[in-house]
N, C-alpha and C. Protein backbone atom coordinates (compact mmCIF):
# COMPACT_ATOMS: atom_id res chain seq x y z
N MET A 1 0.79 -1.16 0.01
CA MET A 1 0.14 -0.14 0.02
C MET A 1 0.62 0.98 -0.45
N MET A 2 1.88 1.44 0.15
CA MET A 2 2.91 2.37 1.07
C MET A 2 3.97 3.17 -0.42
N GLY A 3 4.21 1.97 -1.49
CA GLY A 3 4.42 2.51 -1.77
C GLY A 3 5.21 4.10 -2.55
N CYS A 4 5.75 4.32 -3.10
CA CYS A 4 5.61 5.82 -4.07
C CYS A 4 5.07 6.83 -4.17
N ILE A 5 4.21 7.70 -2.80
CA ILE A 5 2.63 7.62 -2.93
C ILE A 5 2.69 8.75 -3.93
N THR A 6 3.06 9.64 -4.01
CA THR A 6 3.31 10.54 -5.19
C THR A 6 4.75 10.88 -5.78
N ARG A 7 5.07 11.15 -6.89
CA ARG A 7 6.23 11.64 -7.35
C ARG A 7 7.60 11.86 -6.25
N ALA A 8 6.91 13.36 -6.66
CA ALA A 8 7.69 14.56 -5.37
C ALA A 8 7.78 13.52 -4.21
N ILE A 9 7.13 13.37 -3.44
CA ILE A 9 7.89 12.85 -2.44
C ILE A 9 8.42 12.12 -2.78
N CYS A 10 8.63 11.18 -3.65
CA CYS A 10 9.59 8.99 -3.75
C CYS A 10 10.53 10.16 -4.52
N ALA A 11 11.04 11.91 -4.92
CA ALA A 11 11.98 11.48 -5.71
C ALA A 11 12.42 12.85 -3.85
N ALA A 12 11.71 13.24 -3.03
CA ALA A 12 12.94 13.94 -2.09
C ALA A 12 13.78 12.97 -1.15
N VAL A 13 12.40 11.89 -1.50
CA VAL A 13 13.20 10.81 -0.07
C VAL A 13 13.72 9.91 -0.87
N ALA A 14 13.96 9.60 -1.94
CA ALA A 14 14.73 9.03 -3.33
C ALA A 14 16.48 9.71 -2.11
N ILE A 15 16.91 11.48 -2.13
CA ILE A 15 17.89 11.39 -1.95
C ILE A 15 18.27 10.96 -1.05
N SER A 16 17.73 10.90 0.25
CA SER A 16 17.73 11.46 1.70
C SER A 16 18.18 10.21 2.28
N PRO A 17 18.15 9.06 2.42
CA PRO A 17 18.71 7.86 2.58
C PRO A 17 20.41 7.22 2.35
N LEU A 18 20.17 8.41 0.67
CA LEU A 18 21.54 7.89 -0.47
C LEU A 18 22.62 9.32 -0.13
N ALA A 19 22.26 10.12 0.16
CA ALA A 19 22.86 10.95 0.58
C ALA A 19 23.96 11.42 1.39
N VAL A 20 24.27 10.53 2.38
CA VAL A 20 24.78 9.79 3.74
C VAL A 20 25.66 9.12 4.03
N SER A 21 26.02 9.33 4.32
CA SER A 21 27.50 7.43 4.58
C SER A 21 26.00 6.60 5.09
N ALA A 22 26.67 5.86 5.70
CA ALA A 22 26.41 4.75 6.38
C ALA A 22 26.59 5.59 7.79
N GLN A 23 27.58 6.13 7.73
CA GLN A 23 28.43 6.67 9.51
C GLN A 23 27.64 7.13 10.02
N GLU A 24 26.91 8.15 9.04
CA GLU A 24 26.51 9.92 8.55
C GLU A 24 24.74 9.15 9.31
N THR A 25 24.06 8.29 8.80
CA THR A 25 22.60 7.97 9.11
C THR A 25 22.38 7.70 11.29
N PRO A 26 21.65 8.22 10.80
CA PRO A 26 20.86 7.82 11.85
C PRO A 26 19.90 7.26 12.52
N HIS A 27 20.18 6.31 13.62
CA HIS A 27 19.35 4.85 13.47
C HIS A 27 18.35 5.05 13.39
N PHE A 28 17.86 4.58 13.05
CA PHE A 28 16.12 4.59 13.23
C PHE A 28 15.30 2.76 14.59
N ASP A 29 14.78 2.47 14.95
CA ASP A 29 14.62 1.87 15.41
C ASP A 29 13.11 1.54 16.54
N PRO A 30 12.45 1.03 16.43
CA PRO A 30 11.16 0.94 16.19
C PRO A 30 10.56 0.47 17.66
N THR A 31 12.02 0.15 18.39
CA THR A 31 11.75 0.51 19.46
C THR A 31 10.68 2.09 20.64
N PRO A 32 10.89 2.80 20.67
CA PRO A 32 10.56 3.78 21.40
C PRO A 32 9.07 3.70 21.39
N ALA A 33 8.46 3.66 19.50
CA ALA A 33 6.78 3.43 19.32
C ALA A 33 6.27 2.36 20.15
N LEU A 34 7.45 1.38 19.78
CA LEU A 34 6.18 0.04 20.89
C LEU A 34 6.35 -0.05 22.31
N SER A 35 7.35 0.53 22.45
CA SER A 35 6.89 1.17 24.05
C SER A 35 6.37 1.87 24.37
N CYS A 36 6.05 3.45 23.86
CA CYS A 36 4.52 4.28 23.14
C CYS A 36 4.03 3.41 23.92
N LEU A 37 3.59 2.70 22.93
CA LEU A 37 2.00 1.62 22.85
C LEU A 37 2.37 0.78 23.57
N ALA A 38 2.80 0.15 24.00
CA ALA A 38 2.14 -1.03 25.56
C ALA A 38 1.93 0.10 26.82
N GLY A 39 2.63 0.84 27.61
CA GLY A 39 2.35 1.85 27.81
C GLY A 39 0.99 2.87 27.78
N ALA A 40 0.40 2.90 26.38
CA ALA A 40 -0.03 3.07 26.27
C ALA A 40 -2.11 3.04 27.13
N PRO A 41 -2.57 3.51 27.10
CA PRO A 41 -4.14 3.11 27.99
C PRO A 41 -4.66 2.80 26.81
N ASP A 42 -5.12 3.69 25.92
CA ASP A 42 -6.18 3.90 25.38
C ASP A 42 -5.80 4.50 24.06
N PHE A 43 -6.95 4.58 23.21
CA PHE A 43 -6.62 5.10 21.78
C PHE A 43 -5.69 6.75 21.85
N VAL A 44 -6.83 7.54 22.12
CA VAL A 44 -6.10 8.30 22.13
C VAL A 44 -4.56 8.27 22.44
N ALA A 45 -4.31 7.89 22.99
CA ALA A 45 -3.19 7.84 23.54
C ALA A 45 -2.25 7.52 23.02
N GLN A 46 -2.23 6.08 22.28
CA GLN A 46 -2.16 5.41 21.68
C GLN A 46 -1.19 6.10 20.45
N GLN A 47 -2.03 7.72 20.25
CA GLN A 47 -2.01 8.60 18.85
C GLN A 47 -0.65 9.01 19.37
N ALA A 48 -0.69 9.82 20.62
CA ALA A 48 0.46 10.26 20.85
C ALA A 48 2.12 10.02 20.49
N CYS A 49 2.32 8.62 20.10
CA CYS A 49 2.97 7.02 20.23
C CYS A 49 3.39 7.40 19.29
N ILE A 50 2.67 8.47 17.38
CA ILE A 50 3.16 7.94 16.45
C ILE A 50 4.54 9.48 16.12
N GLY A 51 4.93 9.88 15.97
CA GLY A 51 6.59 10.33 15.76
C GLY A 51 8.11 10.61 16.90
N VAL A 52 7.53 9.15 17.89
CA VAL A 52 8.29 9.01 19.42
C VAL A 52 10.03 8.68 18.36
N ALA A 53 9.52 7.33 17.68
CA ALA A 53 10.39 6.55 17.13
C ALA A 53 11.26 7.08 16.72
N ALA A 54 10.80 8.80 15.13
CA ALA A 54 11.57 9.51 14.31
C ALA A 54 12.37 10.05 15.23
N GLU A 55 11.41 10.65 16.56
CA GLU A 55 13.17 11.40 16.70
C GLU A 55 13.46 11.24 17.83
N ALA A 56 12.68 10.18 18.40
CA ALA A 56 14.85 9.56 19.17
C ALA A 56 15.72 9.07 17.90
N CYS A 57 15.27 8.87 15.73
CA CYS A 57 15.60 8.29 15.53
C CYS A 57 16.81 9.95 14.80
N MET A 58 16.23 11.13 15.27
CA MET A 58 16.93 12.13 15.19
C MET A 58 18.15 12.64 15.96
N ALA A 59 17.70 12.31 17.05
CA ALA A 59 18.70 12.58 18.31
C ALA A 59 19.63 11.23 18.10
N SER A 60 19.57 10.39 17.65
CA SER A 60 20.53 9.26 17.80
C SER A 60 21.73 9.69 17.33
N ASN A 61 22.13 11.13 16.11
CA ASN A 61 23.41 11.53 15.64
C ASN A 61 23.02 13.44 15.68
N GLU A 62 23.98 13.83 15.30
CA GLU A 62 23.62 15.14 15.03
C GLU A 62 23.06 15.78 13.19
N MET A 63 23.41 14.69 11.69
CA MET A 63 22.39 14.48 11.07
C MET A 63 20.80 14.03 11.15
N GLY A 64 21.17 13.88 12.61
CA GLY A 64 19.19 13.97 12.79
C GLY A 64 18.34 14.52 12.51
N TYR A 65 18.79 16.18 13.09
CA TYR A 65 18.73 17.16 12.87
C TYR A 65 18.58 18.09 11.26
N THR A 66 19.58 17.58 10.55
CA THR A 66 19.05 18.27 9.28
C THR A 66 18.40 17.53 8.27
N THR A 67 17.90 17.89 7.20
CA THR A 67 16.63 17.97 6.54
C THR A 67 16.73 16.71 5.69
N VAL A 68 17.85 15.86 5.14
CA VAL A 68 18.12 14.48 5.16
C VAL A 68 18.03 13.30 6.26
N GLY A 69 18.88 14.07 7.49
CA GLY A 69 17.73 13.64 8.59
C GLY A 69 16.84 13.61 8.88
N MET A 70 16.11 14.76 9.22
CA MET A 70 15.43 13.75 9.04
C MET A 70 13.86 13.72 8.80
N GLY A 71 14.26 13.99 6.72
CA GLY A 71 14.06 13.45 6.27
C GLY A 71 13.56 11.84 5.78
N TYR A 72 14.87 11.05 6.51
CA TYR A 72 15.18 9.80 6.85
C TYR A 72 14.51 8.43 7.78
N CYS A 73 14.27 9.65 8.87
CA CYS A 73 13.91 9.36 10.10
C CYS A 73 12.14 9.48 9.83
N PHE A 74 12.04 10.22 9.63
CA PHE A 74 10.38 10.45 8.92
C PHE A 74 10.10 9.28 7.98
N ASP A 75 10.96 9.03 7.11
CA ASP A 75 10.16 7.70 5.91
C ASP A 75 10.46 6.60 7.21
N GLN A 76 11.07 6.51 7.41
CA GLN A 76 11.47 4.97 8.45
C GLN A 76 9.94 4.80 9.71
N GLU A 77 9.95 5.80 9.63
CA GLU A 77 9.09 5.41 10.84
C GLU A 77 7.21 4.98 10.19
N LEU A 78 7.60 5.06 8.38
CA LEU A 78 5.97 5.83 8.17
C LEU A 78 6.70 4.46 7.46
N VAL A 79 7.08 4.16 7.50
CA VAL A 79 7.51 2.83 6.40
C VAL A 79 6.45 1.86 7.85
N PHE A 80 7.60 1.52 9.17
CA PHE A 80 6.64 0.67 10.39
C PHE A 80 5.19 1.04 10.83
N TRP A 81 4.61 1.84 10.00
CA TRP A 81 3.33 2.48 10.68
C TRP A 81 2.21 1.78 9.03
N ASP A 82 3.21 2.04 8.00
CA ASP A 82 3.17 1.62 7.26
C ASP A 82 3.09 0.44 7.36
N ALA A 83 3.14 -1.27 7.75
CA ALA A 83 3.25 -2.24 7.85
C ALA A 83 2.48 -2.49 9.23
N ARG A 84 2.20 -1.94 10.90
CA ARG A 84 1.21 -1.74 10.93
C ARG A 84 -0.47 -1.21 10.17
N LEU A 85 -0.50 -1.29 9.83
CA LEU A 85 -1.45 0.02 8.92
C LEU A 85 -2.40 -2.00 7.66
N ASN A 86 -0.92 -2.23 6.97
CA ASN A 86 -0.80 -3.46 6.36
C ASN A 86 -1.52 -4.87 6.89
N ALA A 87 -0.81 -4.88 8.55
CA ALA A 87 -0.86 -6.13 8.79
C ALA A 87 -2.19 -6.09 9.62
N ALA A 88 -2.98 -4.99 9.85
CA ALA A 88 -4.68 -5.12 10.52
C ALA A 88 -5.61 -4.84 9.77
N TYR A 89 -5.39 -3.64 8.24
CA TYR A 89 -6.28 -4.24 7.24
C TYR A 89 -6.23 -5.33 6.97
N GLY A 90 -5.42 -6.75 6.58
CA GLY A 90 -5.68 -7.84 5.09
C GLY A 90 -7.11 -8.78 6.44
N PRO A 91 -6.20 -9.34 8.17
CA PRO A 91 -7.37 -9.71 9.37
C PRO A 91 -8.44 -8.95 9.01
N LEU A 92 -8.71 -7.72 9.05
CA LEU A 92 -10.24 -6.66 8.99
C LEU A 92 -11.18 -7.25 8.32
N MET A 93 -10.43 -6.90 7.09
CA MET A 93 -11.18 -7.42 5.68
C MET A 93 -11.90 -8.98 5.63
N GLN A 94 -10.61 -10.02 6.28
CA GLN A 94 -11.65 -11.43 6.52
C GLN A 94 -13.03 -11.06 7.03
N ARG A 95 -12.60 -11.11 8.38
CA ARG A 95 -13.11 -10.94 9.18
C ARG A 95 -15.43 -10.41 9.32
N GLU A 96 -14.61 -8.93 8.06
CA GLU A 96 -15.68 -8.65 7.29
C GLU A 96 -16.55 -9.30 6.95
N LYS A 97 -15.18 -10.11 5.56
CA LYS A 97 -15.57 -11.07 4.24
C LYS A 97 -16.66 -11.94 5.63
N ALA A 98 -16.16 -12.61 6.32
CA ALA A 98 -17.07 -13.07 7.21
C ALA A 98 -17.95 -12.57 7.87
N MET A 99 -17.75 -12.22 8.09
CA MET A 99 -19.47 -11.22 8.64
C MET A 99 -20.27 -11.34 7.58
N ASP A 100 -19.79 -10.92 5.78
CA ASP A 100 -20.95 -10.05 5.13
C ASP A 100 -21.85 -11.51 4.44
N ALA A 101 -20.75 -12.68 5.09
CA ALA A 101 -21.44 -14.11 4.66
C ALA A 101 -22.36 -14.95 5.64
N GLU A 102 -22.14 -14.38 6.77
CA GLU A 102 -23.00 -15.06 7.64
C GLU A 102 -24.06 -14.48 7.65
N MET A 103 -24.00 -12.96 7.15
CA MET A 103 -25.09 -12.12 7.17
C MET A 103 -26.35 -13.03 5.93
N THR A 104 -25.46 -13.12 4.52
CA THR A 104 -25.98 -13.72 3.68
C THR A 104 -27.27 -14.50 4.32
N GLN A 105 -26.09 -15.88 4.57
CA GLN A 105 -26.69 -16.76 5.09
C GLN A 105 -28.13 -16.63 5.64
N LEU A 106 -28.06 -15.75 6.80
CA LEU A 106 -29.28 -15.92 6.82
C LEU A 106 -30.00 -15.39 6.83
N GLY A 107 -29.65 -14.42 5.37
CA GLY A 107 -30.96 -13.71 4.69
C GLY A 107 -31.30 -12.42 4.59
N ALA A 108 -30.14 -11.67 5.32
CA ALA A 108 -30.50 -10.20 5.80
C ALA A 108 -29.57 -9.42 4.91
N THR A 109 -29.87 -8.39 4.61
CA THR A 109 -30.24 -7.69 3.95
C THR A 109 -29.70 -6.21 4.40
N VAL A 110 -27.65 -6.55 4.87
CA VAL A 110 -27.60 -5.01 5.58
C VAL A 110 -25.98 -5.00 4.60
N PRO A 111 -25.91 -3.47 4.77
CA PRO A 111 -24.57 -2.81 3.68
C PRO A 111 -23.57 -3.90 4.15
N SER A 112 -22.53 -4.07 3.00
CA SER A 112 -21.82 -5.12 3.00
C SER A 112 -19.82 -4.33 3.66
N LEU A 113 -20.36 -4.75 4.93
CA LEU A 113 -18.92 -4.52 5.83
C LEU A 113 -17.37 -4.52 5.18
N ALA A 114 -17.50 -5.10 4.53
CA ALA A 114 -15.39 -5.65 3.11
C ALA A 114 -16.12 -4.07 2.16
N GLU A 115 -17.11 -4.33 1.67
CA GLU A 115 -17.54 -3.06 0.77
C GLU A 115 -17.06 -1.50 1.25
N ALA A 116 -17.17 -2.00 2.70
CA ALA A 116 -17.35 -0.37 2.90
C ALA A 116 -15.91 -0.53 3.63
N LEU A 117 -15.59 -1.11 4.47
CA LEU A 117 -14.01 -0.82 4.55
C LEU A 117 -12.84 -0.16 3.19
N ARG A 118 -12.82 -0.87 2.25
CA ARG A 118 -12.45 -1.24 1.22
C ARG A 118 -12.99 0.14 0.75
N GLY A 119 -14.46 0.52 0.98
CA GLY A 119 -14.24 1.91 0.25
C GLY A 119 -13.35 2.88 1.60
N MET A 120 -13.37 1.81 2.98
CA MET A 120 -12.93 3.96 3.42
C MET A 120 -11.21 4.27 3.80
N GLN A 121 -11.07 2.48 3.03
CA GLN A 121 -9.47 2.91 2.68
C GLN A 121 -8.67 3.76 1.49
N ARG A 122 -9.69 3.55 0.69
CA ARG A 122 -9.82 3.91 -0.67
C ARG A 122 -9.89 5.40 -0.38
N ALA A 123 -11.01 5.70 -0.16
CA ALA A 123 -11.22 7.29 -0.18
C ALA A 123 -9.93 8.28 0.99
N TRP A 124 -9.15 6.83 2.10
CA TRP A 124 -8.56 7.47 3.14
C TRP A 124 -7.16 8.28 1.80
N ILE A 125 -6.39 6.94 1.53
CA ILE A 125 -5.09 7.24 0.45
C ILE A 125 -5.38 8.54 -0.40
N PRO A 126 -5.91 8.50 -0.89
CA PRO A 126 -6.44 10.41 -1.30
C PRO A 126 -6.69 11.76 -0.82
N TYR A 127 -7.48 11.26 0.58
CA TYR A 127 -7.16 12.18 1.53
C TYR A 127 -6.04 12.72 2.20
N ARG A 128 -5.55 10.67 2.21
CA ARG A 128 -3.99 10.98 3.23
C ARG A 128 -3.16 12.40 1.86
N ASP A 129 -3.00 11.87 0.56
CA ASP A 129 -2.03 12.27 0.17
C ASP A 129 -1.78 13.72 -0.42
N ALA A 130 -3.89 13.81 -0.36
CA ALA A 130 -3.55 15.20 -0.70
C ALA A 130 -3.35 17.04 0.78
N THR A 131 -2.96 15.81 1.53
CA THR A 131 -3.40 16.43 3.16
C THR A 131 -2.32 17.16 3.37
N CYS A 132 -1.14 15.90 3.03
CA CYS A 132 0.79 16.08 2.54
C CYS A 132 0.61 16.65 2.30
N ASP A 133 0.24 17.28 0.38
CA ASP A 133 0.41 17.82 -0.32
C ASP A 133 0.23 19.12 0.19
N TYR A 134 -1.09 19.42 0.21
CA TYR A 134 -0.39 20.45 1.42
C TYR A 134 0.02 21.10 2.14
N GLU A 135 0.47 20.08 2.62
CA GLU A 135 1.31 20.87 4.35
C GLU A 135 2.44 20.63 3.16
N ARG A 136 3.19 20.72 1.99
CA ARG A 136 4.44 20.49 0.98
C ARG A 136 4.90 21.84 0.62
N ALA A 137 3.28 22.13 0.57
CA ALA A 137 2.36 23.72 -0.14
C ALA A 137 3.40 24.33 0.48
N GLN A 138 3.09 23.95 1.91
CA GLN A 138 3.26 25.48 2.63
C GLN A 138 4.46 26.17 3.39
N TRP A 139 5.40 24.65 1.99
CA TRP A 139 7.14 25.01 2.58
C TRP A 139 7.80 25.39 1.06
N GLY A 140 6.70 26.07 0.19
CA GLY A 140 7.03 26.19 -1.13
C GLY A 140 8.32 25.55 -1.56
N ASN A 141 9.78 26.06 -2.76
CA ASN A 141 9.86 25.55 -2.43
C ASN A 141 11.98 24.93 -1.63
N GLY A 142 11.06 24.99 -0.42
CA GLY A 142 11.76 25.30 0.43
C GLY A 142 12.20 23.65 0.83
N THR A 143 13.62 23.68 1.81
CA THR A 143 14.28 22.20 1.47
C THR A 143 12.97 21.19 2.52
N GLY A 144 12.52 22.75 3.59
CA GLY A 144 11.77 21.63 4.63
C GLY A 144 10.86 20.93 4.20
N GLY A 145 10.14 20.88 3.24
CA GLY A 145 8.88 20.05 2.02
C GLY A 145 9.26 18.68 2.11
N GLY A 146 10.50 18.36 2.17
CA GLY A 146 10.58 16.90 1.39
C GLY A 146 10.41 16.61 3.16
N PRO A 147 10.65 17.40 5.01
CA PRO A 147 11.31 16.19 5.86
C PRO A 147 9.12 16.71 6.50
N ALA A 148 8.79 17.68 5.56
CA ALA A 148 6.88 17.78 6.08
C ALA A 148 6.36 17.08 6.03
N THR A 149 6.42 17.33 4.00
CA THR A 149 5.20 15.88 3.86
C THR A 149 5.68 14.60 4.50
N LEU A 150 6.95 13.69 4.75
CA LEU A 150 7.09 12.95 5.33
C LEU A 150 6.06 12.79 7.29
N ALA A 151 7.08 13.89 7.31
CA ALA A 151 6.58 13.35 8.73
C ALA A 151 4.59 13.48 9.03
N CYS A 152 4.07 14.84 7.70
CA CYS A 152 2.76 14.18 7.51
C CYS A 152 2.12 13.58 6.91
N LEU A 153 3.38 12.48 5.84
CA LEU A 153 2.02 10.82 5.76
C LEU A 153 2.03 10.19 6.83
N MET A 154 4.16 10.22 7.88
CA MET A 154 3.85 9.21 9.30
C MET A 154 2.59 9.18 9.97
N ASP A 155 2.80 10.53 10.37
CA ASP A 155 0.77 10.93 11.88
C ASP A 155 0.12 10.69 10.23
N LEU A 156 -0.48 10.70 9.30
CA LEU A 156 -1.91 10.38 9.15
C LEU A 156 -2.61 8.46 8.48
N THR A 157 -0.73 7.98 8.49
CA THR A 157 -0.59 6.38 8.12
C THR A 157 -0.63 6.31 9.24
N GLY A 158 0.37 6.23 10.39
CA GLY A 158 -0.19 5.77 12.15
C GLY A 158 -1.52 6.12 13.38
N ARG A 159 -2.03 7.12 12.00
CA ARG A 159 -3.95 7.34 12.55
C ARG A 159 -4.32 6.11 12.00
N GLN A 160 -4.06 5.88 10.76
CA GLN A 160 -5.10 5.23 9.92
C GLN A 160 -4.85 3.77 10.72
N ALA A 161 -3.53 3.46 10.70
CA ALA A 161 -3.41 1.78 11.71
C ALA A 161 -3.98 1.68 12.49
N LEU A 162 -3.67 2.84 14.24
CA LEU A 162 -4.04 2.84 15.25
C LEU A 162 -5.83 2.49 14.86
N GLU A 163 -6.17 3.48 14.14
CA GLU A 163 -7.93 2.83 14.53
C GLU A 163 -8.12 1.47 13.07
N LEU A 164 -7.48 0.94 12.60
CA LEU A 164 -7.28 -0.20 12.03
C LEU A 164 -7.30 -0.81 12.76
N GLU A 165 -6.23 -1.24 13.73
CA GLU A 165 -6.20 -1.55 14.74
C GLU A 165 -7.25 -1.92 15.56
N ARG A 166 -7.60 -0.58 15.95
CA ARG A 166 -8.18 -0.46 16.97
C ARG A 166 -9.90 -1.44 16.52
N ARG A 167 -9.93 -0.97 15.59
CA ARG A 167 -11.96 -2.03 14.65
C ARG A 167 -10.73 -2.97 15.14
N LEU A 168 -10.25 -3.37 14.78
CA LEU A 168 -10.02 -5.46 14.45
C LEU A 168 -9.65 -5.94 15.76
N ASN A 169 -9.92 -4.98 17.56
CA ASN A 169 -9.28 -5.31 18.23
C ASN A 169 -10.89 -5.32 19.50
N ASP A 170 -11.64 -4.93 18.94
CA ASP A 170 -13.02 -4.14 18.83
C ASP A 170 -14.09 -5.32 18.90
N GLY A 171 -13.62 -6.23 17.07
CA GLY A 171 -14.04 -7.36 17.18
C GLY A 171 -13.76 -8.51 17.85
N GLN A 172 -13.34 -8.45 19.08
CA GLN A 172 -12.05 -9.75 19.13
C GLN A 172 -12.84 -10.50 20.32
């Protein structure tokens, strides 16, 4: 699902990890986000965990707060949240399809949960992209636009991942 979201974002991201040597690259570790999530008592508190791993990554070396370092760290946490989003979406879709089949077997004429989930996710993707394109536009042609876009993508993807996880866990 993640792939390259827009050409502009892909261009910004493609440069950042390659522009610094392995010695200069900040170290990304998802542990701060995982620890935060483990200690979060509810959905609202979980949302505050988005960005903590990127922040720790930026603090891990002096390159972390450069445009390149920020881009790298935000991108790495974005990959983390995108993996969680996909890990929740698949089982949630399977569960909704099973519920749809059960409702059909009972003769119920109710809206399809699987179709509604698919529609929600398909509508969310252009919303996320447009929101983050707008964020990038705030920076004009400035170099901060790349990291700002990645931070936006990370935040919105994290929020959607948590929402899908919440829905998946509510049904168990």
